[in-house]
Amino acid sequence: MKKVFYYLMIAVMLFGIFPTTIIAAEKVKTAISAENKEVPAEVKVMYNRLEEIKTMDKSDLSSSEKRELRKEVRTIKTELKSTGHGVYLSVGAIIIIVLLLILLL
């Protein structure tokens, strides 16, 4: 029981001190160049279609035509989200990685 309490106290202290050191660290600003952010042609076409739909006068459209436009917008947005070039980690995955690192090191 003492070991569990001891490890629990160490974990609380570790997680209590760790974020303050991150906040206190001086942030280094990096310049983002426009050359690194090249947008593929197909993505530009999708963005242009979205802008075209936004500027369209929808008051004279029927309800079925509006529904088709909404479906088209949803599909374009899901395609644009899937073309993201990043690796996304959930909070649960980050916690598991940190726990594995603590246990292994």
N, C-alpha and C. Protein backbone atom coordinates (compact mmCIF):
# COMPACT_ATOMS: atom_id res chain seq x y z
N MET A 1 0.82 -1.19 0.00
CA MET A 1 0.00 0.00 0.00
C MET A 1 0.87 1.26 0.00
N LYS A 2 2.00 1.18 0.74
CA LYS A 2 2.89 2.33 0.78
C LYS A 2 3.51 2.59 -0.59
N LYS A 3 3.81 1.50 -1.33
CA LYS A 3 4.41 1.67 -2.65
C LYS A 3 3.44 2.35 -3.61
N VAL A 4 2.18 1.96 -3.55
CA VAL A 4 1.17 2.56 -4.42
C VAL A 4 1.05 4.04 -4.10
N PHE A 5 0.99 4.38 -2.83
CA PHE A 5 0.90 5.78 -2.43
C PHE A 5 2.14 6.54 -2.87
N TYR A 6 3.31 5.92 -2.69
CA TYR A 6 4.57 6.55 -3.09
C TYR A 6 4.58 6.83 -4.60
N TYR A 7 4.22 5.83 -5.42
CA TYR A 7 4.19 6.01 -6.86
C TYR A 7 3.13 7.03 -7.29
N LEU A 8 2.02 7.03 -6.61
CA LEU A 8 0.97 7.99 -6.90
C LEU A 8 1.44 9.42 -6.61
N MET A 9 2.12 9.61 -5.52
CA MET A 9 2.64 10.94 -5.18
C MET A 9 3.69 11.39 -6.19
N ILE A 10 4.53 10.47 -6.62
CA ILE A 10 5.55 10.82 -7.62
C ILE A 10 4.88 11.22 -8.93
N ALA A 11 3.84 10.47 -9.32
CA ALA A 11 3.13 10.79 -10.56
C ALA A 11 2.46 12.16 -10.47
N VAL A 12 1.84 12.47 -9.36
CA VAL A 12 1.18 13.76 -9.17
C VAL A 12 2.20 14.88 -9.23
N MET A 13 3.33 14.69 -8.58
CA MET A 13 4.37 15.72 -8.59
C MET A 13 4.96 15.88 -9.99
N LEU A 14 5.16 14.76 -10.68
CA LEU A 14 5.72 14.81 -12.03
C LEU A 14 4.81 15.57 -12.98
N PHE A 15 3.51 15.24 -12.96
CA PHE A 15 2.58 15.91 -13.85
C PHE A 15 2.27 17.33 -13.39
N GLY A 16 2.49 17.64 -12.13
CA GLY A 16 2.27 18.99 -11.63
C GLY A 16 3.39 19.93 -11.99
N ILE A 17 4.60 19.43 -12.06
CA ILE A 17 5.76 20.26 -12.35
C ILE A 17 6.03 20.35 -13.84
N PHE A 18 5.79 19.31 -14.56
CA PHE A 18 6.10 19.24 -15.98
C PHE A 18 5.44 20.32 -16.81
N PRO A 19 4.13 20.60 -16.70
CA PRO A 19 3.52 21.63 -17.53
C PRO A 19 4.04 23.04 -17.24
N THR A 20 4.44 23.31 -16.01
CA THR A 20 4.94 24.65 -15.71
C THR A 20 6.27 24.90 -16.40
N THR A 21 7.08 23.89 -16.58
CA THR A 21 8.34 24.09 -17.29
C THR A 21 8.10 24.33 -18.77
N ILE A 22 7.06 23.74 -19.30
CA ILE A 22 6.74 23.97 -20.71
C ILE A 22 6.24 25.39 -20.92
N ILE A 23 5.39 25.86 -20.03
CA ILE A 23 4.84 27.20 -20.14
C ILE A 23 5.93 28.25 -19.94
N ALA A 24 6.88 27.97 -19.05
CA ALA A 24 7.92 28.93 -18.74
C ALA A 24 8.97 29.01 -19.83
N ALA A 25 9.04 28.02 -20.68
CA ALA A 25 10.05 28.02 -21.73
C ALA A 25 9.79 29.15 -22.73
N GLU A 26 10.86 29.71 -23.21
CA GLU A 26 10.73 30.79 -24.18
C GLU A 26 10.39 30.21 -25.54
N LYS A 27 9.39 30.75 -26.16
CA LYS A 27 8.95 30.24 -27.45
C LYS A 27 9.78 30.87 -28.56
N VAL A 28 10.24 30.02 -29.45
CA VAL A 28 11.04 30.48 -30.58
C VAL A 28 10.11 30.57 -31.78
N LYS A 29 10.04 31.74 -32.36
CA LYS A 29 9.18 31.94 -33.52
C LYS A 29 9.92 31.50 -34.77
N THR A 30 9.22 30.75 -35.59
CA THR A 30 9.81 30.31 -36.85
C THR A 30 9.06 30.96 -37.99
N ALA A 31 9.78 31.31 -39.00
CA ALA A 31 9.17 31.94 -40.17
C ALA A 31 8.61 30.85 -41.08
N ILE A 32 7.38 31.00 -41.46
CA ILE A 32 6.74 30.05 -42.35
C ILE A 32 6.78 30.64 -43.75
N SER A 33 7.41 29.93 -44.63
CA SER A 33 7.51 30.43 -46.00
C SER A 33 6.34 29.92 -46.82
N ALA A 34 5.97 30.69 -47.80
CA ALA A 34 4.84 30.33 -48.67
C ALA A 34 5.21 29.20 -49.62
N GLU A 35 6.51 28.96 -49.81
CA GLU A 35 6.93 27.92 -50.74
C GLU A 35 6.60 26.52 -50.21
N ASN A 36 6.58 26.35 -48.89
CA ASN A 36 6.30 25.05 -48.31
C ASN A 36 4.83 24.68 -48.39
N LYS A 37 3.98 25.65 -48.57
CA LYS A 37 2.54 25.43 -48.55
C LYS A 37 1.95 25.40 -49.96
N GLU A 38 2.43 24.50 -50.78
CA GLU A 38 1.86 24.38 -52.12
C GLU A 38 0.58 23.57 -52.05
N VAL A 39 -0.46 24.10 -52.66
CA VAL A 39 -1.76 23.45 -52.65
C VAL A 39 -1.94 22.72 -53.97
N PRO A 40 -2.28 21.42 -53.92
CA PRO A 40 -2.48 20.68 -55.18
C PRO A 40 -3.63 21.26 -56.00
N ALA A 41 -3.59 21.00 -57.29
CA ALA A 41 -4.59 21.57 -58.20
C ALA A 41 -5.99 21.06 -57.89
N GLU A 42 -6.11 19.79 -57.52
CA GLU A 42 -7.44 19.25 -57.23
C GLU A 42 -8.05 19.89 -55.99
N VAL A 43 -7.21 20.24 -55.02
CA VAL A 43 -7.71 20.92 -53.82
C VAL A 43 -8.16 22.33 -54.17
N LYS A 44 -7.43 23.00 -55.04
CA LYS A 44 -7.84 24.33 -55.48
C LYS A 44 -9.19 24.30 -56.18
N VAL A 45 -9.40 23.25 -56.99
CA VAL A 45 -10.67 23.11 -57.69
C VAL A 45 -11.80 22.94 -56.68
N MET A 46 -11.56 22.14 -55.65
CA MET A 46 -12.59 21.94 -54.62
C MET A 46 -12.89 23.23 -53.88
N TYR A 47 -11.85 23.97 -53.52
CA TYR A 47 -12.05 25.25 -52.84
C TYR A 47 -12.83 26.23 -53.72
N ASN A 48 -12.49 26.26 -55.00
CA ASN A 48 -13.20 27.15 -55.92
C ASN A 48 -14.67 26.77 -56.03
N ARG A 49 -14.96 25.48 -56.05
CA ARG A 49 -16.35 25.04 -56.12
C ARG A 49 -17.09 25.42 -54.84
N LEU A 50 -16.44 25.29 -53.68
CA LEU A 50 -17.08 25.70 -52.43
C LEU A 50 -17.39 27.20 -52.44
N GLU A 51 -16.45 28.00 -52.91
CA GLU A 51 -16.68 29.44 -52.97
C GLU A 51 -17.80 29.77 -53.95
N GLU A 52 -17.85 29.03 -55.05
CA GLU A 52 -18.91 29.24 -56.03
C GLU A 52 -20.28 28.93 -55.42
N ILE A 53 -20.36 27.87 -54.64
CA ILE A 53 -21.62 27.51 -53.99
C ILE A 53 -22.01 28.55 -52.95
N LYS A 54 -21.01 29.07 -52.22
CA LYS A 54 -21.30 30.09 -51.20
C LYS A 54 -21.85 31.37 -51.82
N THR A 55 -21.31 31.75 -52.96
CA THR A 55 -21.74 33.00 -53.58
C THR A 55 -23.02 32.84 -54.41
N MET A 56 -23.45 31.62 -54.60
CA MET A 56 -24.63 31.35 -55.42
C MET A 56 -25.90 31.87 -54.73
N ASP A 57 -26.82 32.38 -55.52
CA ASP A 57 -28.12 32.82 -55.00
C ASP A 57 -29.02 31.60 -54.89
N LYS A 58 -29.29 31.18 -53.65
CA LYS A 58 -30.04 29.95 -53.43
C LYS A 58 -31.53 30.18 -53.22
N SER A 59 -31.96 31.41 -53.29
CA SER A 59 -33.37 31.70 -53.02
C SER A 59 -34.28 31.19 -54.13
N ASP A 60 -33.78 31.12 -55.35
CA ASP A 60 -34.64 30.66 -56.45
C ASP A 60 -34.51 29.16 -56.72
N LEU A 61 -33.73 28.43 -55.90
CA LEU A 61 -33.58 27.00 -56.09
C LEU A 61 -34.69 26.24 -55.37
N SER A 62 -35.02 25.08 -55.90
CA SER A 62 -36.01 24.24 -55.23
C SER A 62 -35.35 23.51 -54.05
N SER A 63 -36.16 22.89 -53.23
CA SER A 63 -35.62 22.23 -52.04
C SER A 63 -34.75 21.04 -52.41
N SER A 64 -35.07 20.33 -53.47
CA SER A 64 -34.25 19.19 -53.89
C SER A 64 -32.88 19.66 -54.40
N GLU A 65 -32.86 20.80 -55.12
CA GLU A 65 -31.59 21.34 -55.59
C GLU A 65 -30.73 21.82 -54.43
N LYS A 66 -31.37 22.43 -53.43
CA LYS A 66 -30.63 22.85 -52.24
C LYS A 66 -30.05 21.65 -51.50
N ARG A 67 -30.83 20.57 -51.42
CA ARG A 67 -30.38 19.35 -50.76
C ARG A 67 -29.17 18.77 -51.49
N GLU A 68 -29.20 18.78 -52.82
CA GLU A 68 -28.06 18.29 -53.60
C GLU A 68 -26.82 19.14 -53.37
N LEU A 69 -27.02 20.46 -53.28
CA LEU A 69 -25.88 21.33 -53.00
C LEU A 69 -25.29 21.06 -51.62
N ARG A 70 -26.17 20.84 -50.62
CA ARG A 70 -25.67 20.53 -49.28
C ARG A 70 -24.88 19.23 -49.27
N LYS A 71 -25.37 18.22 -49.99
CA LYS A 71 -24.65 16.95 -50.08
C LYS A 71 -23.30 17.14 -50.75
N GLU A 72 -23.29 17.95 -51.81
CA GLU A 72 -22.04 18.21 -52.52
C GLU A 72 -21.04 18.92 -51.61
N VAL A 73 -21.52 19.90 -50.85
CA VAL A 73 -20.63 20.62 -49.93
C VAL A 73 -20.07 19.67 -48.88
N ARG A 74 -20.92 18.79 -48.34
CA ARG A 74 -20.45 17.83 -47.33
C ARG A 74 -19.38 16.90 -47.90
N THR A 75 -19.60 16.39 -49.11
CA THR A 75 -18.62 15.48 -49.70
C THR A 75 -17.30 16.20 -49.99
N ILE A 76 -17.38 17.43 -50.47
CA ILE A 76 -16.16 18.19 -50.74
C ILE A 76 -15.40 18.44 -49.44
N LYS A 77 -16.11 18.79 -48.37
CA LYS A 77 -15.45 19.06 -47.10
C LYS A 77 -14.80 17.80 -46.54
N THR A 78 -15.45 16.65 -46.66
CA THR A 78 -14.84 15.41 -46.17
C THR A 78 -13.61 15.04 -47.00
N GLU A 79 -13.66 15.28 -48.30
CA GLU A 79 -12.49 15.03 -49.14
C GLU A 79 -11.34 15.96 -48.78
N LEU A 80 -11.65 17.22 -48.48
CA LEU A 80 -10.61 18.16 -48.11
C LEU A 80 -9.99 17.78 -46.76
N LYS A 81 -10.81 17.29 -45.84
CA LYS A 81 -10.26 16.85 -44.55
C LYS A 81 -9.37 15.64 -44.72
N SER A 82 -9.72 14.76 -45.63
CA SER A 82 -8.92 13.55 -45.82
C SER A 82 -7.60 13.84 -46.53
N THR A 83 -7.49 14.98 -47.21
CA THR A 83 -6.24 15.31 -47.89
C THR A 83 -5.26 16.01 -46.96
N GLY A 84 -5.58 16.13 -45.68
CA GLY A 84 -4.67 16.76 -44.73
C GLY A 84 -3.36 15.98 -44.66
N HIS A 85 -2.27 16.69 -44.52
CA HIS A 85 -0.95 16.07 -44.54
C HIS A 85 -0.35 15.99 -43.15
N GLY A 86 -1.17 15.80 -42.13
CA GLY A 86 -0.64 15.75 -40.78
C GLY A 86 -0.96 14.45 -40.09
N VAL A 87 -0.26 14.23 -38.99
CA VAL A 87 -0.52 13.07 -38.15
C VAL A 87 -1.23 13.59 -36.92
N TYR A 88 -2.42 13.08 -36.68
CA TYR A 88 -3.22 13.55 -35.57
C TYR A 88 -3.26 12.49 -34.49
N LEU A 89 -2.96 12.88 -33.25
CA LEU A 89 -3.00 11.97 -32.12
C LEU A 89 -4.09 12.43 -31.17
N SER A 90 -4.86 11.49 -30.71
CA SER A 90 -5.89 11.84 -29.73
C SER A 90 -5.26 11.96 -28.35
N VAL A 91 -6.01 12.50 -27.43
CA VAL A 91 -5.51 12.67 -26.07
C VAL A 91 -5.25 11.31 -25.44
N GLY A 92 -6.12 10.35 -25.69
CA GLY A 92 -5.92 9.01 -25.14
C GLY A 92 -4.65 8.36 -25.66
N ALA A 93 -4.36 8.54 -26.94
CA ALA A 93 -3.13 7.98 -27.51
C ALA A 93 -1.90 8.63 -26.90
N ILE A 94 -1.95 9.92 -26.66
CA ILE A 94 -0.82 10.62 -26.05
C ILE A 94 -0.59 10.12 -24.63
N ILE A 95 -1.67 9.91 -23.87
CA ILE A 95 -1.54 9.41 -22.50
C ILE A 95 -0.94 8.01 -22.51
N ILE A 96 -1.37 7.16 -23.42
CA ILE A 96 -0.83 5.81 -23.50
C ILE A 96 0.65 5.85 -23.86
N ILE A 97 1.04 6.71 -24.78
CA ILE A 97 2.45 6.83 -25.17
C ILE A 97 3.28 7.30 -23.99
N VAL A 98 2.79 8.29 -23.26
CA VAL A 98 3.53 8.79 -22.11
C VAL A 98 3.67 7.70 -21.05
N LEU A 99 2.60 6.97 -20.79
CA LEU A 99 2.68 5.88 -19.80
C LEU A 99 3.64 4.80 -20.23
N LEU A 100 3.65 4.45 -21.51
CA LEU A 100 4.60 3.46 -21.99
C LEU A 100 6.04 3.96 -21.85
N LEU A 101 6.26 5.22 -22.14
CA LEU A 101 7.60 5.78 -21.99
C LEU A 101 8.04 5.77 -20.53
N ILE A 102 7.13 6.08 -19.63
CA ILE A 102 7.46 6.07 -18.19
C ILE A 102 7.78 4.64 -17.76
N LEU A 103 6.99 3.68 -18.20
CA LEU A 103 7.22 2.31 -17.78
C LEU A 103 8.51 1.73 -18.37
N LEU A 104 8.81 2.08 -19.61
CA LEU A 104 9.99 1.53 -20.28
C LEU A 104 11.27 2.23 -19.86
N LEU A 105 11.19 3.47 -19.51
CA LEU A 105 12.41 4.20 -19.13
C LEU A 105 12.47 4.27 -17.64
